[in-house]
Amino acid sequence: DPFVGRILTGRVESGHVKVGQTVQAISRIGQKIEQFR
């Protein structure tokens, strides 16, 4: 999206998440890719 950048779509597998929360992305082999808000 030209305003918010990358957008990832998927199904929430567990828990819940709010806007503004800090989360992380990890790869298929378990490596940490980035931490973001």
PDB file of all heavy atoms in Angstrom:
ATOM      1  N   ASP A   1       0.870  -1.178   0.000  1.00  0.00           N
ATOM      2  CA  ASP A   1       0.000   0.000   0.000  1.00  0.00           C
ATOM      3  C   ASP A   1       0.908   1.229   0.000  1.00  0.00           C
ATOM      4  O   ASP A   1       1.880   1.275   0.753  1.00  0.00           O
ATOM      5  CB  ASP A   1      -0.875  -0.031   1.265  1.00  0.00           C
ATOM      6  CG  ASP A   1      -1.849   1.132   1.314  1.00  0.00           C
ATOM      7  OD1 ASP A   1      -1.390   2.246   1.618  1.00  0.00           O
ATOM      8  OD2 ASP A   1      -3.048   0.928   1.063  1.00  0.00           O
ATOM      9  N   PRO A   2       0.612   2.241  -0.853  1.00  0.00           N
ATOM     10  CA  PRO A   2       1.515   3.393  -0.917  1.00  0.00           C
ATOM     11  C   PRO A   2       1.610   4.169   0.405  1.00  0.00           C
ATOM     12  O   PRO A   2       2.581   4.862   0.642  1.00  0.00           O
ATOM     13  CB  PRO A   2       0.892   4.271  -2.014  1.00  0.00           C
ATOM     14  CG  PRO A   2      -0.479   3.746  -2.255  1.00  0.00           C
ATOM     15  CD  PRO A   2      -0.476   2.326  -1.837  1.00  0.00           C
ATOM     16  N   PHE A   3       0.614   4.031   1.292  1.00  0.00           N
ATOM     17  CA  PHE A   3       0.610   4.792   2.545  1.00  0.00           C
ATOM     18  C   PHE A   3       1.196   4.012   3.714  1.00  0.00           C
ATOM     19  O   PHE A   3       1.934   4.559   4.523  1.00  0.00           O
ATOM     20  CB  PHE A   3      -0.823   5.249   2.884  1.00  0.00           C
ATOM     21  CG  PHE A   3      -1.439   6.071   1.793  1.00  0.00           C
ATOM     22  CD1 PHE A   3      -2.443   5.554   0.993  1.00  0.00           C
ATOM     23  CD2 PHE A   3      -0.987   7.361   1.543  1.00  0.00           C
ATOM     24  CE1 PHE A   3      -2.993   6.303  -0.039  1.00  0.00           C
ATOM     25  CE2 PHE A   3      -1.523   8.120   0.518  1.00  0.00           C
ATOM     26  CZ  PHE A   3      -2.535   7.603  -0.271  1.00  0.00           C
ATOM     27  N   VAL A   4       0.854   2.731   3.818  1.00  0.00           N
ATOM     28  CA  VAL A   4       1.315   1.966   4.997  1.00  0.00           C
ATOM     29  C   VAL A   4       2.407   0.948   4.666  1.00  0.00           C
ATOM     30  O   VAL A   4       2.921   0.284   5.555  1.00  0.00           O
ATOM     31  CB  VAL A   4       0.135   1.260   5.712  1.00  0.00           C
ATOM     32  CG1 VAL A   4      -0.849   2.258   6.250  1.00  0.00           C
ATOM     33  CG2 VAL A   4      -0.550   0.243   4.812  1.00  0.00           C
ATOM     34  N   GLY A   5       2.796   0.820   3.392  1.00  0.00           N
ATOM     35  CA  GLY A   5       3.868  -0.107   3.014  1.00  0.00           C
ATOM     36  C   GLY A   5       3.392  -1.544   2.888  1.00  0.00           C
ATOM     37  O   GLY A   5       2.295  -1.805   2.411  1.00  0.00           O
ATOM     38  N   ARG A   6       4.245  -2.495   3.331  1.00  0.00           N
ATOM     39  CA  ARG A   6       3.926  -3.920   3.193  1.00  0.00           C
ATOM     40  C   ARG A   6       2.701  -4.300   4.013  1.00  0.00           C
ATOM     41  O   ARG A   6       2.521  -3.826   5.132  1.00  0.00           O
ATOM     42  CB  ARG A   6       5.102  -4.767   3.690  1.00  0.00           C
ATOM     43  CG  ARG A   6       6.273  -4.805   2.766  1.00  0.00           C
ATOM     44  CD  ARG A   6       7.437  -5.470   3.469  1.00  0.00           C
ATOM     45  NE  ARG A   6       7.545  -6.873   3.163  1.00  0.00           N
ATOM     46  CZ  ARG A   6       8.165  -7.362   2.100  1.00  0.00           C
ATOM     47  NH1 ARG A   6       8.717  -6.552   1.235  1.00  0.00           N
ATOM     48  NH2 ARG A   6       8.231  -8.661   1.904  1.00  0.00           N
ATOM     49  N   ILE A   7       1.891  -5.198   3.439  1.00  0.00           N
ATOM     50  CA  ILE A   7       0.711  -5.705   4.154  1.00  0.00           C
ATOM     51  C   ILE A   7       0.742  -7.230   4.058  1.00  0.00           C
ATOM     52  O   ILE A   7       0.881  -7.776   2.960  1.00  0.00           O
ATOM     53  CB  ILE A   7      -0.590  -5.186   3.497  1.00  0.00           C
ATOM     54  CG1 ILE A   7      -0.674  -3.667   3.614  1.00  0.00           C
ATOM     55  CG2 ILE A   7      -1.811  -5.828   4.138  1.00  0.00           C
ATOM     56  CD1 ILE A   7      -1.817  -3.064   2.836  1.00  0.00           C
ATOM     57  N   LEU A   8       0.633  -7.900   5.189  1.00  0.00           N
ATOM     58  CA  LEU A   8       0.599  -9.368   5.191  1.00  0.00           C
ATOM     59  C   LEU A   8      -0.764  -9.837   5.689  1.00  0.00           C
ATOM     60  O   LEU A   8      -1.279  -9.334   6.696  1.00  0.00           O
ATOM     61  CB  LEU A   8       1.696  -9.924   6.103  1.00  0.00           C
ATOM     62  CG  LEU A   8       3.123  -9.788   5.557  1.00  0.00           C
ATOM     63  CD1 LEU A   8       4.134 -10.148   6.623  1.00  0.00           C
ATOM     64  CD2 LEU A   8       3.327 -10.669   4.337  1.00  0.00           C
ATOM     65  N   THR A   9      -1.351 -10.781   4.940  1.00  0.00           N
ATOM     66  CA  THR A   9      -2.665 -11.314   5.307  1.00  0.00           C
ATOM     67  C   THR A   9      -2.511 -12.760   5.761  1.00  0.00           C
ATOM     68  O   THR A   9      -1.714 -13.509   5.196  1.00  0.00           O
ATOM     69  CB  THR A   9      -3.616 -11.244   4.092  1.00  0.00           C
ATOM     70  OG1 THR A   9      -3.684  -9.891   3.649  1.00  0.00           O
ATOM     71  CG2 THR A   9      -5.012 -11.723   4.441  1.00  0.00           C
ATOM     72  N   GLY A  10      -3.292 -13.139   6.757  1.00  0.00           N
ATOM     73  CA  GLY A  10      -3.266 -14.523   7.221  1.00  0.00           C
ATOM     74  C   GLY A  10      -4.324 -14.738   8.284  1.00  0.00           C
ATOM     75  O   GLY A  10      -5.111 -13.837   8.595  1.00  0.00           O
ATOM     76  N   ARG A  11      -4.333 -15.944   8.841  1.00  0.00           N
ATOM     77  CA  ARG A  11      -5.293 -16.261   9.899  1.00  0.00           C
ATOM     78  C   ARG A  11      -4.553 -16.271  11.241  1.00  0.00           C
ATOM     79  O   ARG A  11      -3.463 -16.837  11.345  1.00  0.00           O
ATOM     80  CB  ARG A  11      -5.918 -17.633   9.651  1.00  0.00           C
ATOM     81  CG  ARG A  11      -6.864 -18.051  10.777  1.00  0.00           C
ATOM     82  CD  ARG A  11      -7.628 -19.293  10.439  1.00  0.00           C
ATOM     83  NE  ARG A  11      -6.755 -20.437  10.227  1.00  0.00           N
ATOM     84  CZ  ARG A  11      -7.193 -21.664   9.908  1.00  0.00           C
ATOM     85  NH1 ARG A  11      -8.492 -21.858   9.752  1.00  0.00           N
ATOM     86  NH2 ARG A  11      -6.369 -22.658   9.731  1.00  0.00           N
ATOM     87  N   VAL A  12      -5.152 -15.634  12.241  1.00  0.00           N
ATOM     88  CA  VAL A  12      -4.561 -15.621  13.586  1.00  0.00           C
ATOM     89  C   VAL A  12      -4.703 -17.033  14.162  1.00  0.00           C
ATOM     90  O   VAL A  12      -5.811 -17.539  14.308  1.00  0.00           O
ATOM     91  CB  VAL A  12      -5.255 -14.577  14.490  1.00  0.00           C
ATOM     92  CG1 VAL A  12      -4.609 -14.565  15.871  1.00  0.00           C
ATOM     93  CG2 VAL A  12      -5.186 -13.185  13.859  1.00  0.00           C
ATOM     94  N   GLU A  13      -3.556 -17.663  14.452  1.00  0.00           N
ATOM     95  CA  GLU A  13      -3.566 -19.057  14.926  1.00  0.00           C
ATOM     96  C   GLU A  13      -3.793 -19.153  16.437  1.00  0.00           C
ATOM     97  O   GLU A  13      -4.353 -20.126  16.916  1.00  0.00           O
ATOM     98  CB  GLU A  13      -2.240 -19.746  14.563  1.00  0.00           C
ATOM     99  CG  GLU A  13      -2.018 -19.921  13.062  1.00  0.00           C
ATOM    100  CD  GLU A  13      -2.982 -20.895  12.430  1.00  0.00           C
ATOM    101  OE1 GLU A  13      -3.347 -21.896  13.075  1.00  0.00           O
ATOM    102  OE2 GLU A  13      -3.402 -20.654  11.285  1.00  0.00           O
ATOM    103  N   SER A  14      -3.317 -18.148  17.171  1.00  0.00           N
ATOM    104  CA  SER A  14      -3.518 -18.187  18.636  1.00  0.00           C
ATOM    105  C   SER A  14      -3.423 -16.777  19.213  1.00  0.00           C
ATOM    106  O   SER A  14      -2.814 -15.891  18.614  1.00  0.00           O
ATOM    107  CB  SER A  14      -2.479 -19.096  19.308  1.00  0.00           C
ATOM    108  OG  SER A  14      -1.185 -18.588  19.105  1.00  0.00           O
ATOM    109  N   GLY A  15      -4.033 -16.585  20.385  1.00  0.00           N
ATOM    110  CA  GLY A  15      -3.952 -15.315  21.089  1.00  0.00           C
ATOM    111  C   GLY A  15      -4.723 -14.189  20.422  1.00  0.00           C
ATOM    112  O   GLY A  15      -5.571 -14.422  19.565  1.00  0.00           O
ATOM    113  N   HIS A  16      -4.394 -12.938  20.830  1.00  0.00           N
ATOM    114  CA  HIS A  16      -4.987 -11.794  20.150  1.00  0.00           C
ATOM    115  C   HIS A  16      -3.950 -10.681  20.059  1.00  0.00           C
ATOM    116  O   HIS A  16      -2.930 -10.691  20.756  1.00  0.00           O
ATOM    117  CB  HIS A  16      -6.280 -11.311  20.832  1.00  0.00           C
ATOM    118  CG  HIS A  16      -6.239 -11.329  22.314  1.00  0.00           C
ATOM    119  ND1 HIS A  16      -5.674 -10.336  23.057  1.00  0.00           N
ATOM    120  CD2 HIS A  16      -6.689 -12.262  23.202  1.00  0.00           C
ATOM    121  CE1 HIS A  16      -5.781 -10.623  24.342  1.00  0.00           C
ATOM    122  NE2 HIS A  16      -6.389 -11.794  24.465  1.00  0.00           N
ATOM    123  N   VAL A  17      -4.209  -9.723  19.188  1.00  0.00           N
ATOM    124  CA  VAL A  17      -3.225  -8.672  18.916  1.00  0.00           C
ATOM    125  C   VAL A  17      -3.946  -7.347  18.731  1.00  0.00           C
ATOM    126  O   VAL A  17      -5.068  -7.306  18.215  1.00  0.00           O
ATOM    127  CB  VAL A  17      -2.382  -9.047  17.664  1.00  0.00           C
ATOM    128  CG1 VAL A  17      -3.219  -9.053  16.404  1.00  0.00           C
ATOM    129  CG2 VAL A  17      -1.182  -8.130  17.510  1.00  0.00           C
ATOM    130  N   LYS A  18      -3.302  -6.239  19.193  1.00  0.00           N
ATOM    131  CA  LYS A  18      -3.900  -4.914  19.085  1.00  0.00           C
ATOM    132  C   LYS A  18      -3.019  -3.996  18.246  1.00  0.00           C
ATOM    133  O   LYS A  18      -1.798  -4.215  18.154  1.00  0.00           O
ATOM    134  CB  LYS A  18      -4.056  -4.296  20.488  1.00  0.00           C
ATOM    135  CG  LYS A  18      -5.093  -4.980  21.343  1.00  0.00           C
ATOM    136  CD  LYS A  18      -5.217  -4.277  22.678  1.00  0.00           C
ATOM    137  CE  LYS A  18      -6.310  -4.929  23.522  1.00  0.00           C
ATOM    138  NZ  LYS A  18      -6.391  -4.366  24.857  1.00  0.00           N
ATOM    139  N   VAL A  19      -3.630  -2.953  17.684  1.00  0.00           N
ATOM    140  CA  VAL A  19      -2.866  -1.930  16.967  1.00  0.00           C
ATOM    141  C   VAL A  19      -1.912  -1.266  17.957  1.00  0.00           C
ATOM    142  O   VAL A  19      -2.286  -0.975  19.097  1.00  0.00           O
ATOM    143  CB  VAL A  19      -3.818  -0.873  16.344  1.00  0.00           C
ATOM    144  CG1 VAL A  19      -3.033   0.265  15.722  1.00  0.00           C
ATOM    145  CG2 VAL A  19      -4.728  -1.519  15.311  1.00  0.00           C
ATOM    146  N   GLY A  20      -0.656  -1.030  17.534  1.00  0.00           N
ATOM    147  CA  GLY A  20       0.338  -0.397  18.401  1.00  0.00           C
ATOM    148  C   GLY A  20       1.187  -1.384  19.176  1.00  0.00           C
ATOM    149  O   GLY A  20       2.207  -1.028  19.768  1.00  0.00           O
ATOM    150  N   GLN A  21       0.797  -2.675  19.153  1.00  0.00           N
ATOM    151  CA  GLN A  21       1.561  -3.705  19.885  1.00  0.00           C
ATOM    152  C   GLN A  21       2.873  -3.989  19.158  1.00  0.00           C
ATOM    153  O   GLN A  21       2.932  -3.970  17.926  1.00  0.00           O
ATOM    154  CB  GLN A  21       0.712  -4.975  19.966  1.00  0.00           C
ATOM    155  CG  GLN A  21       1.293  -6.063  20.848  1.00  0.00           C
ATOM    156  CD  GLN A  21       0.296  -7.230  20.990  1.00  0.00           C
ATOM    157  OE1 GLN A  21      -0.920  -7.027  20.992  1.00  0.00           O
ATOM    158  NE2 GLN A  21       0.803  -8.441  21.107  1.00  0.00           N
ATOM    159  N   THR A  22       3.936  -4.259  19.917  1.00  0.00           N
ATOM    160  CA  THR A  22       5.216  -4.630  19.297  1.00  0.00           C
ATOM    161  C   THR A  22       5.257  -6.146  19.131  1.00  0.00           C
ATOM    162  O   THR A  22       5.033  -6.891  20.091  1.00  0.00           O
ATOM    163  CB  THR A  22       6.403  -4.155  20.170  1.00  0.00           C
ATOM    164  OG1 THR A  22       6.316  -2.733  20.298  1.00  0.00           O
ATOM    165  CG2 THR A  22       7.729  -4.516  19.516  1.00  0.00           C
ATOM    166  N   VAL A  23       5.515  -6.579  17.890  1.00  0.00           N
ATOM    167  CA  VAL A  23       5.559  -8.019  17.581  1.00  0.00           C
ATOM    168  C   VAL A  23       6.841  -8.302  16.790  1.00  0.00           C
ATOM    169  O   VAL A  23       7.597  -7.393  16.473  1.00  0.00           O
ATOM    170  CB  VAL A  23       4.315  -8.470  16.760  1.00  0.00           C
ATOM    171  CG1 VAL A  23       3.055  -8.359  17.567  1.00  0.00           C
ATOM    172  CG2 VAL A  23       4.187  -7.678  15.463  1.00  0.00           C
ATOM    173  N   GLN A  24       7.059  -9.573  16.473  1.00  0.00           N
ATOM    174  CA  GLN A  24       8.248  -9.928  15.691  1.00  0.00           C
ATOM    175  C   GLN A  24       7.863 -10.846  14.547  1.00  0.00           C
ATOM    176  O   GLN A  24       6.765 -11.425  14.528  1.00  0.00           O
ATOM    177  CB  GLN A  24       9.279 -10.608  16.588  1.00  0.00           C
ATOM    178  CG  GLN A  24       8.780 -11.938  17.161  1.00  0.00           C
ATOM    179  CD  GLN A  24       9.856 -12.709  17.891  1.00  0.00           C
ATOM    180  OE1 GLN A  24      11.035 -12.416  17.790  1.00  0.00           O
ATOM    181  NE2 GLN A  24       9.450 -13.740  18.643  1.00  0.00           N
ATOM    182  N   ALA A  25       8.774 -10.954  13.565  1.00  0.00           N
ATOM    183  CA  ALA A  25       8.583 -11.888  12.454  1.00  0.00           C
ATOM    184  C   ALA A  25       9.719 -12.895  12.497  1.00  0.00           C
ATOM    185  O   ALA A  25      10.889 -12.504  12.613  1.00  0.00           O
ATOM    186  CB  ALA A  25       8.597 -11.145  11.133  1.00  0.00           C
ATOM    187  N   ILE A  26       9.364 -14.200  12.432  1.00  0.00           N
ATOM    188  CA  ILE A  26      10.414 -15.227  12.373  1.00  0.00           C
ATOM    189  C   ILE A  26      10.210 -16.082  11.129  1.00  0.00           C
ATOM    190  O   ILE A  26       9.086 -16.278  10.675  1.00  0.00           O
ATOM    191  CB  ILE A  26      10.475 -16.096  13.658  1.00  0.00           C
ATOM    192  CG1 ILE A  26       9.112 -16.708  13.995  1.00  0.00           C
ATOM    193  CG2 ILE A  26      10.995 -15.314  14.834  1.00  0.00           C
ATOM    194  CD1 ILE A  26       9.144 -17.623  15.226  1.00  0.00           C
ATOM    195  N   SER A  27      11.309 -16.569  10.554  1.00  0.00           N
ATOM    196  CA  SER A  27      11.254 -17.309   9.291  1.00  0.00           C
ATOM    197  C   SER A  27      10.826 -18.756   9.528  1.00  0.00           C
ATOM    198  O   SER A  27      10.691 -19.196  10.675  1.00  0.00           O
ATOM    199  CB  SER A  27      12.625 -17.283   8.614  1.00  0.00           C
ATOM    200  OG  SER A  27      13.528 -18.089   9.360  1.00  0.00           O
ATOM    201  N   ARG A  28      10.667 -19.513   8.419  1.00  0.00           N
ATOM    202  CA  ARG A  28      10.250 -20.916   8.503  1.00  0.00           C
ATOM    203  C   ARG A  28      11.226 -21.761   9.317  1.00  0.00           C
ATOM    204  O   ARG A  28      10.854 -22.770   9.894  1.00  0.00           O
ATOM    205  CB  ARG A  28      10.148 -21.521   7.095  1.00  0.00           C
ATOM    206  CG  ARG A  28       8.951 -21.040   6.311  1.00  0.00           C
ATOM    207  CD  ARG A  28       8.945 -21.597   4.896  1.00  0.00           C
ATOM    208  NE  ARG A  28       8.911 -23.048   4.884  1.00  0.00           N
ATOM    209  CZ  ARG A  28       9.786 -23.802   4.248  1.00  0.00           C
ATOM    210  NH1 ARG A  28      10.761 -23.267   3.572  1.00  0.00           N
ATOM    211  NH2 ARG A  28       9.667 -25.112   4.285  1.00  0.00           N
ATOM    212  N   ILE A  29      12.508 -21.331   9.354  1.00  0.00           N
ATOM    213  CA  ILE A  29      13.510 -22.136  10.086  1.00  0.00           C
ATOM    214  C   ILE A  29      13.792 -21.546  11.476  1.00  0.00           C
ATOM    215  O   ILE A  29      14.731 -21.944  12.156  1.00  0.00           O
ATOM    216  CB  ILE A  29      14.820 -22.282   9.270  1.00  0.00           C
ATOM    217  CG1 ILE A  29      15.354 -20.917   8.845  1.00  0.00           C
ATOM    218  CG2 ILE A  29      14.608 -23.162   8.072  1.00  0.00           C
ATOM    219  CD1 ILE A  29      16.732 -20.966   8.215  1.00  0.00           C
ATOM    220  N   GLY A  30      12.971 -20.548  11.890  1.00  0.00           N
ATOM    221  CA  GLY A  30      13.057 -20.039  13.257  1.00  0.00           C
ATOM    222  C   GLY A  30      13.984 -18.854  13.460  1.00  0.00           C
ATOM    223  O   GLY A  30      14.235 -18.447  14.591  1.00  0.00           O
ATOM    224  N   GLN A  31      14.536 -18.281  12.367  1.00  0.00           N
ATOM    225  CA  GLN A  31      15.411 -17.108  12.513  1.00  0.00           C
ATOM    226  C   GLN A  31      14.575 -15.846  12.674  1.00  0.00           C
ATOM    227  O   GLN A  31      13.573 -15.670  11.967  1.00  0.00           O
ATOM    228  CB  GLN A  31      16.295 -16.945  11.269  1.00  0.00           C
ATOM    229  CG  GLN A  31      17.423 -17.954  11.201  1.00  0.00           C
ATOM    230  CD  GLN A  31      18.244 -17.776   9.936  1.00  0.00           C
ATOM    231  OE1 GLN A  31      17.727 -17.381   8.904  1.00  0.00           O
ATOM    232  NE2 GLN A  31      19.533 -18.073  10.021  1.00  0.00           N
ATOM    233  N   LYS A  32      15.001 -14.947  13.569  1.00  0.00           N
ATOM    234  CA  LYS A  32      14.280 -13.683  13.768  1.00  0.00           C
ATOM    235  C   LYS A  32      14.591 -12.754  12.597  1.00  0.00           C
ATOM    236  O   LYS A  32      15.758 -12.513  12.278  1.00  0.00           O
ATOM    237  CB  LYS A  32      14.701 -13.048  15.085  1.00  0.00           C
ATOM    238  CG  LYS A  32      13.923 -11.783  15.401  1.00  0.00           C
ATOM    239  CD  LYS A  32      14.174 -11.315  16.824  1.00  0.00           C
ATOM    240  CE  LYS A  32      13.482  -9.997  17.082  1.00  0.00           C
ATOM    241  NZ  LYS A  32      13.658  -9.531  18.450  1.00  0.00           N
ATOM    242  N   ILE A  33      13.552 -12.257  11.934  1.00  0.00           N
ATOM    243  CA  ILE A  33      13.743 -11.388  10.769  1.00  0.00           C
ATOM    244  C   ILE A  33      13.703  -9.922  11.178  1.00  0.00           C
ATOM    245  O   ILE A  33      14.562  -9.137  10.802  1.00  0.00           O
ATOM    246  CB  ILE A  33      12.659 -11.676   9.705  1.00  0.00           C
ATOM    247  CG1 ILE A  33      12.800 -13.109   9.203  1.00  0.00           C
ATOM    248  CG2 ILE A  33      12.741 -10.702   8.541  1.00  0.00           C
ATOM    249  CD1 ILE A  33      11.616 -13.633   8.459  1.00  0.00           C
ATOM    250  N   GLU A  34      12.706  -9.551  11.977  1.00  0.00           N
ATOM    251  CA  GLU A  34      12.608  -8.162  12.430  1.00  0.00           C
ATOM    252  C   GLU A  34      11.618  -8.058  13.593  1.00  0.00           C
ATOM    253  O   GLU A  34      10.801  -8.958  13.819  1.00  0.00           O
ATOM    254  CB  GLU A  34      12.157  -7.244  11.281  1.00  0.00           C
ATOM    255  CG  GLU A  34      10.773  -7.554  10.737  1.00  0.00           C
ATOM    256  CD  GLU A  34      10.317  -6.559   9.667  1.00  0.00           C
ATOM    257  OE1 GLU A  34      10.675  -5.373   9.742  1.00  0.00           O
ATOM    258  OE2 GLU A  34       9.580  -6.998   8.753  1.00  0.00           O
ATOM    259  N   GLN A  35      11.735  -6.936  14.297  1.00  0.00           N
ATOM    260  CA  GLN A  35      10.783  -6.606  15.360  1.00  0.00           C
ATOM    261  C   GLN A  35      10.133  -5.286  14.945  1.00  0.00           C
ATOM    262  O   GLN A  35      10.832  -4.385  14.480  1.00  0.00           O
ATOM    263  CB  GLN A  35      11.550  -6.445  16.677  1.00  0.00           C
ATOM    264  CG  GLN A  35      10.660  -6.245  17.897  1.00  0.00           C
ATOM    265  CD  GLN A  35      11.483  -6.316  19.183  1.00  0.00           C
ATOM    266  OE1 GLN A  35      12.333  -7.180  19.342  1.00  0.00           O
ATOM    267  NE2 GLN A  35      11.248  -5.386  20.093  1.00  0.00           N
ATOM    268  N   PHE A  36       8.819  -5.174  15.073  1.00  0.00           N
ATOM    269  CA  PHE A  36       8.168  -3.948  14.597  1.00  0.00           C
ATOM    270  C   PHE A  36       6.883  -3.692  15.383  1.00  0.00           C
ATOM    271  O   PHE A  36       6.376  -4.561  16.091  1.00  0.00           O
ATOM    272  CB  PHE A  36       7.864  -4.045  13.089  1.00  0.00           C
ATOM    273  CG  PHE A  36       6.955  -5.182  12.719  1.00  0.00           C
ATOM    274  CD1 PHE A  36       5.578  -5.011  12.626  1.00  0.00           C
ATOM    275  CD2 PHE A  36       7.481  -6.460  12.452  1.00  0.00           C
ATOM    276  CE1 PHE A  36       4.741  -6.065  12.290  1.00  0.00           C
ATOM    277  CE2 PHE A  36       6.642  -7.517  12.117  1.00  0.00           C
ATOM    278  CZ  PHE A  36       5.263  -7.315  12.036  1.00  0.00           C
ATOM    279  N   ARG A  37       6.368  -2.458  15.215  1.00  0.00           N
ATOM    280  CA  ARG A  37       5.127  -2.063  15.877  1.00  0.00           C
ATOM    281  C   ARG A  37       3.998  -2.121  14.867  1.00  0.00           C
ATOM    282  O   ARG A  37       4.134  -1.610  13.747  1.00  0.00           O
ATOM    283  CB  ARG A  37       5.293  -0.624  16.401  1.00  0.00           C
ATOM    284  CG  ARG A  37       4.238  -0.219  17.398  1.00  0.00           C
ATOM    285  CD  ARG A  37       4.560   1.165  17.986  1.00  0.00           C
ATOM    286  NE  ARG A  37       3.325   1.932  18.073  1.00  0.00           N
ATOM    287  CZ  ARG A  37       2.874   2.726  17.111  1.00  0.00           C
ATOM    288  NH1 ARG A  37       3.544   2.866  15.993  1.00  0.00           N
ATOM    289  NH2 ARG A  37       1.750   3.386  17.264  1.00  0.00           N
TER     290      ARG A  37
END
